[in-house]
Amino acid sequence: TFCATGLAGLARNLTAGEIAAQVLYFARWMGDPEAGGTNSLP
């Protein structure tokens, strides 16, 4: 009841690739500061 995601309900499960891709995105972003756009990582 205190969670924004829980209030919205479930749409679907993520695939294994969609889960792993979140990690790969940030690993790639951290290696390339320009990849993050205006709020890119230090």
PDB file of all heavy atoms in Angstrom:
ATOM      1  N   THR A   1       0.790  -1.227   0.000  1.00  0.00           N
ATOM      2  CA  THR A   1       0.000   0.000   0.000  1.00  0.00           C
ATOM      3  C   THR A   1       0.824   1.280   0.000  1.00  0.00           C
ATOM      4  O   THR A   1       0.300   2.347  -0.307  1.00  0.00           O
ATOM      5  CB  THR A   1      -0.940   0.012   1.219  1.00  0.00           C
ATOM      6  OG1 THR A   1      -0.152  -0.164   2.416  1.00  0.00           O
ATOM      7  CG2 THR A   1      -1.963  -1.099   1.133  1.00  0.00           C
ATOM      8  N   PHE A   2       2.110   1.181   0.327  1.00  0.00           N
ATOM      9  CA  PHE A   2       2.962   2.376   0.411  1.00  0.00           C
ATOM     10  C   PHE A   2       3.868   2.519  -0.808  1.00  0.00           C
ATOM     11  O   PHE A   2       4.734   3.392  -0.840  1.00  0.00           O
ATOM     12  CB  PHE A   2       3.832   2.315   1.673  1.00  0.00           C
ATOM     13  CG  PHE A   2       4.622   1.032   1.787  1.00  0.00           C
ATOM     14  CD1 PHE A   2       5.885   0.926   1.244  1.00  0.00           C
ATOM     15  CD2 PHE A   2       4.072  -0.074   2.416  1.00  0.00           C
ATOM     16  CE1 PHE A   2       6.600  -0.257   1.329  1.00  0.00           C
ATOM     17  CE2 PHE A   2       4.787  -1.267   2.514  1.00  0.00           C
ATOM     18  CZ  PHE A   2       6.048  -1.355   1.970  1.00  0.00           C
ATOM     19  N   CYS A   3       3.686   1.682  -1.828  1.00  0.00           N
ATOM     20  CA  CYS A   3       4.600   1.603  -2.967  1.00  0.00           C
ATOM     21  C   CYS A   3       3.909   2.117  -4.230  1.00  0.00           C
ATOM     22  O   CYS A   3       2.807   1.675  -4.568  1.00  0.00           O
ATOM     23  CB  CYS A   3       5.055   0.162  -3.160  1.00  0.00           C
ATOM     24  SG  CYS A   3       6.040  -0.128  -4.645  1.00  0.00           S
ATOM     25  N   ALA A   4       4.575   3.021  -4.952  1.00  0.00           N
ATOM     26  CA  ALA A   4       4.006   3.578  -6.179  1.00  0.00           C
ATOM     27  C   ALA A   4       3.778   2.501  -7.231  1.00  0.00           C
ATOM     28  O   ALA A   4       2.778   2.517  -7.952  1.00  0.00           O
ATOM     29  CB  ALA A   4       4.922   4.673  -6.737  1.00  0.00           C
ATOM     30  N   THR A   5       4.697   1.549  -7.337  1.00  0.00           N
ATOM     31  CA  THR A   5       4.537   0.481  -8.314  1.00  0.00           C
ATOM     32  C   THR A   5       3.349  -0.403  -7.953  1.00  0.00           C
ATOM     33  O   THR A   5       2.551  -0.777  -8.810  1.00  0.00           O
ATOM     34  CB  THR A   5       5.813  -0.378  -8.392  1.00  0.00           C
ATOM     35  OG1 THR A   5       6.911   0.459  -8.740  1.00  0.00           O
ATOM     36  CG2 THR A   5       5.673  -1.458  -9.443  1.00  0.00           C
ATOM     37  N   GLY A   6       3.230  -0.752  -6.664  1.00  0.00           N
ATOM     38  CA  GLY A   6       2.130  -1.595  -6.227  1.00  0.00           C
ATOM     39  C   GLY A   6       0.775  -0.972  -6.467  1.00  0.00           C
ATOM     40  O   GLY A   6      -0.209  -1.672  -6.762  1.00  0.00           O
ATOM     41  N   LEU A   7       0.700   0.352  -6.373  1.00  0.00           N
ATOM     42  CA  LEU A   7      -0.562   1.043  -6.603  1.00  0.00           C
ATOM     43  C   LEU A   7      -0.998   0.951  -8.049  1.00  0.00           C
ATOM     44  O   LEU A   7      -2.194   1.027  -8.355  1.00  0.00           O
ATOM     45  CB  LEU A   7      -0.426   2.519  -6.188  1.00  0.00           C
ATOM     46  CG  LEU A   7      -0.168   2.786  -4.701  1.00  0.00           C
ATOM     47  CD1 LEU A   7       0.068   4.277  -4.459  1.00  0.00           C
ATOM     48  CD2 LEU A   7      -1.320   2.287  -3.843  1.00  0.00           C
ATOM     49  N   ALA A   8      -0.031   0.773  -8.969  1.00  0.00           N
ATOM     50  CA  ALA A   8      -0.346   0.756 -10.403  1.00  0.00           C
ATOM     51  C   ALA A   8      -0.724  -0.626 -10.919  1.00  0.00           C
ATOM     52  O   ALA A   8      -1.315  -0.750 -11.988  1.00  0.00           O
ATOM     53  CB  ALA A   8       0.852   1.290 -11.189  1.00  0.00           C
ATOM     54  N   GLY A   9      -0.402  -1.701 -10.185  1.00  0.00           N
ATOM     55  CA  GLY A   9      -0.711  -3.043 -10.636  1.00  0.00           C
ATOM     56  C   GLY A   9       0.324  -3.598 -11.598  1.00  0.00           C
ATOM     57  O   GLY A   9       1.285  -2.925 -11.982  1.00  0.00           O
ATOM     58  N   LEU A  10       0.126  -4.848 -12.007  1.00  0.00           N
ATOM     59  CA  LEU A  10       1.083  -5.559 -12.862  1.00  0.00           C
ATOM     60  C   LEU A  10       0.655  -5.502 -14.316  1.00  0.00           C
ATOM     61  O   LEU A  10      -0.495  -5.783 -14.646  1.00  0.00           O
ATOM     62  CB  LEU A  10       1.202  -7.019 -12.418  1.00  0.00           C
ATOM     63  CG  LEU A  10       2.087  -7.926 -13.286  1.00  0.00           C
ATOM     64  CD1 LEU A  10       3.540  -7.501 -13.196  1.00  0.00           C
ATOM     65  CD2 LEU A  10       1.921  -9.388 -12.882  1.00  0.00           C
ATOM     66  N   ALA A  11       1.595  -5.151 -15.199  1.00  0.00           N
ATOM     67  CA  ALA A  11       1.356  -5.219 -16.640  1.00  0.00           C
ATOM     68  C   ALA A  11       1.867  -6.552 -17.189  1.00  0.00           C
ATOM     69  O   ALA A  11       1.140  -7.293 -17.829  1.00  0.00           O
ATOM     70  CB  ALA A  11       2.022  -4.052 -17.353  1.00  0.00           C
ATOM     71  N   ARG A  12       3.147  -6.864 -16.917  1.00  0.00           N
ATOM     72  CA  ARG A  12       3.710  -8.142 -17.363  1.00  0.00           C
ATOM     73  C   ARG A  12       5.072  -8.367 -16.738  1.00  0.00           C
ATOM     74  O   ARG A  12       5.683  -7.462 -16.179  1.00  0.00           O
ATOM     75  CB  ARG A  12       3.834  -8.187 -18.888  1.00  0.00           C
ATOM     76  CG  ARG A  12       4.882  -7.253 -19.488  1.00  0.00           C
ATOM     77  CD  ARG A  12       5.094  -7.606 -20.948  1.00  0.00           C
ATOM     78  NE  ARG A  12       5.967  -6.687 -21.663  1.00  0.00           N
ATOM     79  CZ  ARG A  12       7.295  -6.789 -21.706  1.00  0.00           C
ATOM     80  NH1 ARG A  12       7.921  -7.744 -21.032  1.00  0.00           N
ATOM     81  NH2 ARG A  12       8.010  -5.928 -22.423  1.00  0.00           N
ATOM     82  N   ASN A  13       5.545  -9.608 -16.866  1.00  0.00           N
ATOM     83  CA  ASN A  13       6.908  -9.945 -16.468  1.00  0.00           C
ATOM     84  C   ASN A  13       7.897  -9.399 -17.492  1.00  0.00           C
ATOM     85  O   ASN A  13       7.583  -9.278 -18.686  1.00  0.00           O
ATOM     86  CB  ASN A  13       7.098 -11.461 -16.398  1.00  0.00           C
ATOM     87  CG  ASN A  13       6.427 -12.083 -15.200  1.00  0.00           C
ATOM     88  OD1 ASN A  13       6.261 -11.452 -14.169  1.00  0.00           O
ATOM     89  ND2 ASN A  13       6.023 -13.342 -15.332  1.00  0.00           N
ATOM     90  N   LEU A  14       9.106  -9.088 -17.044  1.00  0.00           N
ATOM     91  CA  LEU A  14      10.191  -8.778 -17.967  1.00  0.00           C
ATOM     92  C   LEU A  14      10.847 -10.076 -18.420  1.00  0.00           C
ATOM     93  O   LEU A  14      10.839 -11.086 -17.708  1.00  0.00           O
ATOM     94  CB  LEU A  14      11.239  -7.886 -17.304  1.00  0.00           C
ATOM     95  CG  LEU A  14      10.790  -6.507 -16.824  1.00  0.00           C
ATOM     96  CD1 LEU A  14      12.007  -5.669 -16.443  1.00  0.00           C
ATOM     97  CD2 LEU A  14       9.937  -5.785 -17.833  1.00  0.00           C
ATOM     98  N   THR A  15      11.421 -10.054 -19.600  1.00  0.00           N
ATOM     99  CA  THR A  15      12.204 -11.190 -20.063  1.00  0.00           C
ATOM    100  C   THR A  15      13.586 -11.130 -19.424  1.00  0.00           C
ATOM    101  O   THR A  15      14.001 -10.103 -18.870  1.00  0.00           O
ATOM    102  CB  THR A  15      12.355 -11.169 -21.592  1.00  0.00           C
ATOM    103  OG1 THR A  15      13.186 -10.051 -21.955  1.00  0.00           O
ATOM    104  CG2 THR A  15      11.005 -11.039 -22.285  1.00  0.00           C
ATOM    105  N   ALA A  16      14.318 -12.225 -19.538  1.00  0.00           N
ATOM    106  CA  ALA A  16      15.680 -12.252 -19.000  1.00  0.00           C
ATOM    107  C   ALA A  16      16.531 -11.172 -19.663  1.00  0.00           C
ATOM    108  O   ALA A  16      17.353 -10.518 -19.006  1.00  0.00           O
ATOM    109  CB  ALA A  16      16.295 -13.632 -19.223  1.00  0.00           C
ATOM    110  N   GLY A  17      16.342 -10.963 -20.952  1.00  0.00           N
ATOM    111  CA  GLY A  17      17.115  -9.954 -21.655  1.00  0.00           C
ATOM    112  C   GLY A  17      16.792  -8.541 -21.211  1.00  0.00           C
ATOM    113  O   GLY A  17      17.680  -7.688 -21.124  1.00  0.00           O
ATOM    114  N   GLU A  18      15.514  -8.274 -20.920  1.00  0.00           N
ATOM    115  CA  GLU A  18      15.128  -6.950 -20.456  1.00  0.00           C
ATOM    116  C   GLU A  18      15.678  -6.659 -19.067  1.00  0.00           C
ATOM    117  O   GLU A  18      15.988  -5.512 -18.741  1.00  0.00           O
ATOM    118  CB  GLU A  18      13.603  -6.823 -20.469  1.00  0.00           C
ATOM    119  CG  GLU A  18      13.021  -6.767 -21.877  1.00  0.00           C
ATOM    120  CD  GLU A  18      11.515  -6.960 -21.916  1.00  0.00           C
ATOM    121  OE1 GLU A  18      10.942  -7.518 -20.948  1.00  0.00           O
ATOM    122  OE2 GLU A  18      10.892  -6.562 -22.917  1.00  0.00           O
ATOM    123  N   ILE A  19      15.805  -7.697 -18.259  1.00  0.00           N
ATOM    124  CA  ILE A  19      16.401  -7.536 -16.929  1.00  0.00           C
ATOM    125  C   ILE A  19      17.890  -7.264 -17.060  1.00  0.00           C
ATOM    126  O   ILE A  19      18.431  -6.301 -16.493  1.00  0.00           O
ATOM    127  CB  ILE A  19      16.134  -8.784 -16.076  1.00  0.00           C
ATOM    128  CG1 ILE A  19      14.627  -8.954 -15.812  1.00  0.00           C
ATOM    129  CG2 ILE A  19      16.896  -8.704 -14.747  1.00  0.00           C
ATOM    130  CD1 ILE A  19      14.242 -10.305 -15.237  1.00  0.00           C
ATOM    131  N   ALA A  20      18.577  -8.105 -17.825  1.00  0.00           N
ATOM    132  CA  ALA A  20      20.025  -7.942 -17.990  1.00  0.00           C
ATOM    133  C   ALA A  20      20.369  -6.631 -18.683  1.00  0.00           C
ATOM    134  O   ALA A  20      21.388  -6.004 -18.373  1.00  0.00           O
ATOM    135  CB  ALA A  20      20.593  -9.120 -18.782  1.00  0.00           C
ATOM    136  N   ALA A  21      19.524  -6.188 -19.604  1.00  0.00           N
ATOM    137  CA  ALA A  21      19.819  -4.987 -20.381  1.00  0.00           C
ATOM    138  C   ALA A  21      19.910  -3.739 -19.516  1.00  0.00           C
ATOM    139  O   ALA A  21      20.628  -2.788 -19.860  1.00  0.00           O
ATOM    140  CB  ALA A  21      18.757  -4.790 -21.462  1.00  0.00           C
ATOM    141  N   GLN A  22      19.211  -3.708 -18.398  1.00  0.00           N
ATOM    142  CA  GLN A  22      19.299  -2.556 -17.501  1.00  0.00           C
ATOM    143  C   GLN A  22      20.719  -2.421 -16.948  1.00  0.00           C
ATOM    144  O   GLN A  22      21.262  -1.316 -16.849  1.00  0.00           O
ATOM    145  CB  GLN A  22      18.298  -2.699 -16.357  1.00  0.00           C
ATOM    146  CG  GLN A  22      16.845  -2.716 -16.808  1.00  0.00           C
ATOM    147  CD  GLN A  22      15.918  -3.130 -15.687  1.00  0.00           C
ATOM    148  OE1 GLN A  22      15.734  -2.410 -14.696  1.00  0.00           O
ATOM    149  NE2 GLN A  22      15.317  -4.307 -15.812  1.00  0.00           N
ATOM    150  N   VAL A  23      21.314  -3.546 -16.610  1.00  0.00           N
ATOM    151  CA  VAL A  23      22.685  -3.536 -16.096  1.00  0.00           C
ATOM    152  C   VAL A  23      23.657  -3.133 -17.206  1.00  0.00           C
ATOM    153  O   VAL A  23      24.562  -2.312 -17.000  1.00  0.00           O
ATOM    154  CB  VAL A  23      23.053  -4.917 -15.521  1.00  0.00           C
ATOM    155  CG1 VAL A  23      24.486  -4.910 -15.000  1.00  0.00           C
ATOM    156  CG2 VAL A  23      22.076  -5.313 -14.422  1.00  0.00           C
ATOM    157  N   LEU A  24      23.468  -3.696 -18.393  1.00  0.00           N
ATOM    158  CA  LEU A  24      24.360  -3.384 -19.505  1.00  0.00           C
ATOM    159  C   LEU A  24      24.268  -1.913 -19.889  1.00  0.00           C
ATOM    160  O   LEU A  24      25.275  -1.292 -20.228  1.00  0.00           O
ATOM    161  CB  LEU A  24      24.010  -4.262 -20.715  1.00  0.00           C
ATOM    162  CG  LEU A  24      24.126  -5.777 -20.505  1.00  0.00           C
ATOM    163  CD1 LEU A  24      23.731  -6.512 -21.776  1.00  0.00           C
ATOM    164  CD2 LEU A  24      25.524  -6.167 -20.061  1.00  0.00           C
ATOM    165  N   TYR A  25      23.080  -1.347 -19.830  1.00  0.00           N
ATOM    166  CA  TYR A  25      22.909   0.063 -20.177  1.00  0.00           C
ATOM    167  C   TYR A  25      23.756   0.948 -19.275  1.00  0.00           C
ATOM    168  O   TYR A  25      24.479   1.826 -19.752  1.00  0.00           O
ATOM    169  CB  TYR A  25      21.434   0.455 -20.056  1.00  0.00           C
ATOM    170  CG  TYR A  25      21.181   1.935 -20.279  1.00  0.00           C
ATOM    171  CD1 TYR A  25      20.975   2.434 -21.559  1.00  0.00           C
ATOM    172  CD2 TYR A  25      21.152   2.828 -19.214  1.00  0.00           C
ATOM    173  CE1 TYR A  25      20.758   3.793 -21.780  1.00  0.00           C
ATOM    174  CE2 TYR A  25      20.940   4.185 -19.420  1.00  0.00           C
ATOM    175  CZ  TYR A  25      20.739   4.663 -20.706  1.00  0.00           C
ATOM    176  OH  TYR A  25      20.529   6.011 -20.898  1.00  0.00           O
ATOM    177  N   PHE A  26      23.679   0.723 -17.966  1.00  0.00           N
ATOM    178  CA  PHE A  26      24.436   1.570 -17.049  1.00  0.00           C
ATOM    179  C   PHE A  26      25.927   1.289 -17.124  1.00  0.00           C
ATOM    180  O   PHE A  26      26.747   2.199 -16.975  1.00  0.00           O
ATOM    181  CB  PHE A  26      23.911   1.412 -15.622  1.00  0.00           C
ATOM    182  CG  PHE A  26      22.696   2.243 -15.352  1.00  0.00           C
ATOM    183  CD1 PHE A  26      21.427   1.710 -15.503  1.00  0.00           C
ATOM    184  CD2 PHE A  26      22.813   3.566 -14.960  1.00  0.00           C
ATOM    185  CE1 PHE A  26      20.294   2.468 -15.269  1.00  0.00           C
ATOM    186  CE2 PHE A  26      21.696   4.339 -14.721  1.00  0.00           C
ATOM    187  CZ  PHE A  26      20.427   3.801 -14.879  1.00  0.00           C
ATOM    188  N   ALA A  27      26.305   0.037 -17.350  1.00  0.00           N
ATOM    189  CA  ALA A  27      27.726  -0.266 -17.511  1.00  0.00           C
ATOM    190  C   ALA A  27      28.282   0.446 -18.740  1.00  0.00           C
ATOM    191  O   ALA A  27      29.385   1.003 -18.718  1.00  0.00           O
ATOM    192  CB  ALA A  27      27.924  -1.773 -17.634  1.00  0.00           C
ATOM    193  N   ARG A  28      27.506   0.467 -19.806  1.00  0.00           N
ATOM    194  CA  ARG A  28      27.911   1.148 -21.034  1.00  0.00           C
ATOM    195  C   ARG A  28      27.933   2.661 -20.830  1.00  0.00           C
ATOM    196  O   ARG A  28      28.840   3.356 -21.287  1.00  0.00           O
ATOM    197  CB  ARG A  28      26.908   0.784 -22.130  1.00  0.00           C
ATOM    198  CG  ARG A  28      27.284   1.212 -23.529  1.00  0.00           C
ATOM    199  CD  ARG A  28      26.173   0.833 -24.511  1.00  0.00           C
ATOM    200  NE  ARG A  28      25.856  -0.581 -24.450  1.00  0.00           N
ATOM    201  CZ  ARG A  28      24.621  -1.063 -24.214  1.00  0.00           C
ATOM    202  NH1 ARG A  28      23.620  -0.249 -23.990  1.00  0.00           N
ATOM    203  NH2 ARG A  28      24.411  -2.359 -24.191  1.00  0.00           N
ATOM    204  N   TRP A  29      26.961   3.167 -20.100  1.00  0.00           N
ATOM    205  CA  TRP A  29      26.839   4.594 -19.838  1.00  0.00           C
ATOM    206  C   TRP A  29      28.009   5.107 -18.991  1.00  0.00           C
ATOM    207  O   TRP A  29      28.569   6.152 -19.235  1.00  0.00           O
ATOM    208  CB  TRP A  29      25.517   4.822 -19.114  1.00  0.00           C
ATOM    209  CG  TRP A  29      25.094   6.244 -18.931  1.00  0.00           C
ATOM    210  CD1 TRP A  29      25.526   7.347 -19.609  1.00  0.00           C
ATOM    211  CD2 TRP A  29      24.126   6.710 -17.997  1.00  0.00           C
ATOM    212  NE1 TRP A  29      24.875   8.466 -19.157  1.00  0.00           N
ATOM    213  CE2 TRP A  29      24.014   8.104 -18.177  1.00  0.00           C
ATOM    214  CE3 TRP A  29      23.336   6.088 -17.036  1.00  0.00           C
ATOM    215  CZ2 TRP A  29      23.150   8.887 -17.408  1.00  0.00           C
ATOM    216  CZ3 TRP A  29      22.472   6.861 -16.281  1.00  0.00           C
ATOM    217  CH2 TRP A  29      22.380   8.244 -16.478  1.00  0.00           C
ATOM    218  N   MET A  30      28.386   4.299 -18.004  1.00  0.00           N
ATOM    219  CA  MET A  30      29.471   4.706 -17.128  1.00  0.00           C
ATOM    220  C   MET A  30      30.801   4.704 -17.860  1.00  0.00           C
ATOM    221  O   MET A  30      31.710   5.445 -17.523  1.00  0.00           O
ATOM    222  CB  MET A  30      29.522   3.803 -15.898  1.00  0.00           C
ATOM    223  CG  MET A  30      28.297   3.954 -15.004  1.00  0.00           C
ATOM    224  SD  MET A  30      28.288   2.790 -13.638  1.00  0.00           S
ATOM    225  CE  MET A  30      29.526   3.505 -12.580  1.00  0.00           C
ATOM    226  N   GLY A  31      30.908   3.880 -18.879  1.00  0.00           N
ATOM    227  CA  GLY A  31      32.122   3.873 -19.659  1.00  0.00           C
ATOM    228  C   GLY A  31      32.171   5.001 -20.679  1.00  0.00           C
ATOM    229  O   GLY A  31      33.222   5.333 -21.188  1.00  0.00           O
ATOM    230  N   ASP A  32      30.999   5.594 -20.976  1.00  0.00           N
ATOM    231  CA  ASP A  32      30.905   6.663 -21.963  1.00  0.00           C
ATOM    232  C   ASP A  32      30.055   7.776 -21.384  1.00  0.00           C
ATOM    233  O   ASP A  32      28.837   7.788 -21.548  1.00  0.00           O
ATOM    234  CB  ASP A  32      30.282   6.130 -23.256  1.00  0.00           C
ATOM    235  CG  ASP A  32      30.147   7.216 -24.325  1.00  0.00           C
ATOM    236  OD1 ASP A  32      30.680   8.320 -24.106  1.00  0.00           O
ATOM    237  OD2 ASP A  32      29.513   6.950 -25.360  1.00  0.00           O
ATOM    238  N   PRO A  33      30.643   8.729 -20.660  1.00  0.00           N
ATOM    239  CA  PRO A  33      29.863   9.779 -19.999  1.00  0.00           C
ATOM    240  C   PRO A  33      28.964  10.558 -20.935  1.00  0.00           C
ATOM    241  O   PRO A  33      27.936  11.069 -20.525  1.00  0.00           O
ATOM    242  CB  PRO A  33      30.950  10.679 -19.378  1.00  0.00           C
ATOM    243  CG  PRO A  33      32.137   9.797 -19.234  1.00  0.00           C
ATOM    244  CD  PRO A  33      32.082   8.854 -20.395  1.00  0.00           C
ATOM    245  N   GLU A  34      29.319  10.649 -22.227  1.00  0.00           N
ATOM    246  CA  GLU A  34      28.488  11.405 -23.151  1.00  0.00           C
ATOM    247  C   GLU A  34      27.201  10.669 -23.505  1.00  0.00           C
ATOM    248  O   GLU A  34      26.251  11.268 -23.985  1.00  0.00           O
ATOM    249  CB  GLU A  34      29.276  11.686 -24.438  1.00  0.00           C
ATOM    250  CG  GLU A  34      30.488  12.580 -24.213  1.00  0.00           C
ATOM    251  CD  GLU A  34      30.107  13.900 -23.567  1.00  0.00           C
ATOM    252  OE1 GLU A  34      29.110  14.517 -23.989  1.00  0.00           O
ATOM    253  OE2 GLU A  34      30.816  14.321 -22.634  1.00  0.00           O
ATOM    254  N   ALA A  35      27.140   9.366 -23.221  1.00  0.00           N
ATOM    255  CA  ALA A  35      25.969   8.571 -23.601  1.00  0.00           C
ATOM    256  C   ALA A  35      24.757   8.893 -22.755  1.00  0.00           C
ATOM    257  O   ALA A  35      23.642   8.565 -23.119  1.00  0.00           O
ATOM    258  CB  ALA A  35      26.288   7.071 -23.496  1.00  0.00           C
ATOM    259  N   GLY A  36      24.952   9.526 -21.618  1.00  0.00           N
ATOM    260  CA  GLY A  36      23.834   9.765 -20.725  1.00  0.00           C
ATOM    261  C   GLY A  36      23.050  11.019 -21.022  1.00  0.00           C
ATOM    262  O   GLY A  36      22.017  11.252 -20.426  1.00  0.00           O
ATOM    263  N   GLY A  37      23.500  11.857 -21.927  1.00  0.00           N
ATOM    264  CA  GLY A  37      22.762  13.073 -22.231  1.00  0.00           C
ATOM    265  C   GLY A  37      23.119  14.190 -21.264  1.00  0.00           C
ATOM    266  O   GLY A  37      24.205  14.253 -20.717  1.00  0.00           O
ATOM    267  N   THR A  38      22.161  15.074 -21.047  1.00  0.00           N
ATOM    268  CA  THR A  38      22.427  16.273 -20.251  1.00  0.00           C
ATOM    269  C   THR A  38      22.739  15.976 -18.800  1.00  0.00           C
ATOM    270  O   THR A  38      23.446  16.727 -18.146  1.00  0.00           O
ATOM    271  CB  THR A  38      21.237  17.234 -20.323  1.00  0.00           C
ATOM    272  OG1 THR A  38      20.058  16.537 -19.874  1.00  0.00           O
ATOM    273  CG2 THR A  38      21.013  17.717 -21.746  1.00  0.00           C
ATOM    274  N   ASN A  39      22.202  14.882 -18.272  1.00  0.00           N
ATOM    275  CA  ASN A  39      22.468  14.524 -16.877  1.00  0.00           C
ATOM    276  C   ASN A  39      23.445  13.354 -16.811  1.00  0.00           C
ATOM    277  O   ASN A  39      23.291  12.441 -16.006  1.00  0.00           O
ATOM    278  CB  ASN A  39      21.175  14.146 -16.153  1.00  0.00           C
ATOM    279  CG  ASN A  39      20.341  15.365 -15.818  1.00  0.00           C
ATOM    280  OD1 ASN A  39      20.875  16.456 -15.672  1.00  0.00           O
ATOM    281  ND2 ASN A  39      19.043  15.179 -15.710  1.00  0.00           N
ATOM    282  N   SER A  40      24.440  13.347 -17.674  1.00  0.00           N
ATOM    283  CA  SER A  40      25.349  12.207 -17.749  1.00  0.00           C
ATOM    284  C   SER A  40      26.118  12.033 -16.448  1.00  0.00           C
ATOM    285  O   SER A  40      26.293  12.948 -15.665  1.00  0.00           O
ATOM    286  CB  SER A  40      26.336  12.384 -18.910  1.00  0.00           C
ATOM    287  OG  SER A  40      27.097  13.552 -18.734  1.00  0.00           O
ATOM    288  N   LEU A  41      26.568  10.813 -16.256  1.00  0.00           N
ATOM    289  CA  LEU A  41      27.260  10.469 -15.030  1.00  0.00           C
ATOM    290  C   LEU A  41      28.649  11.096 -14.989  1.00  0.00           C
ATOM    291  O   LEU A  41      29.272  11.309 -16.029  1.00  0.00           O
ATOM    292  CB  LEU A  41      27.403   8.947 -14.929  1.00  0.00           C
ATOM    293  CG  LEU A  41      26.106   8.160 -14.827  1.00  0.00           C
ATOM    294  CD1 LEU A  41      26.419   6.672 -14.853  1.00  0.00           C
ATOM    295  CD2 LEU A  41      25.363   8.511 -13.572  1.00  0.00           C
ATOM    296  N   PRO A  42      29.144  11.372 -13.789  1.00  0.00           N
ATOM    297  CA  PRO A  42      30.518  11.854 -13.687  1.00  0.00           C
ATOM    298  C   PRO A  42      31.490  10.778 -14.158  1.00  0.00           C
ATOM    299  O   PRO A  42      31.221   9.591 -14.051  1.00  0.00           O
ATOM    300  CB  PRO A  42      30.676  12.129 -12.183  1.00  0.00           C
ATOM    301  CG  PRO A  42      29.644  11.282 -11.523  1.00  0.00           C
ATOM    302  CD  PRO A  42      28.496  11.223 -12.482  1.00  0.00           C
TER     303      PRO A  42
END
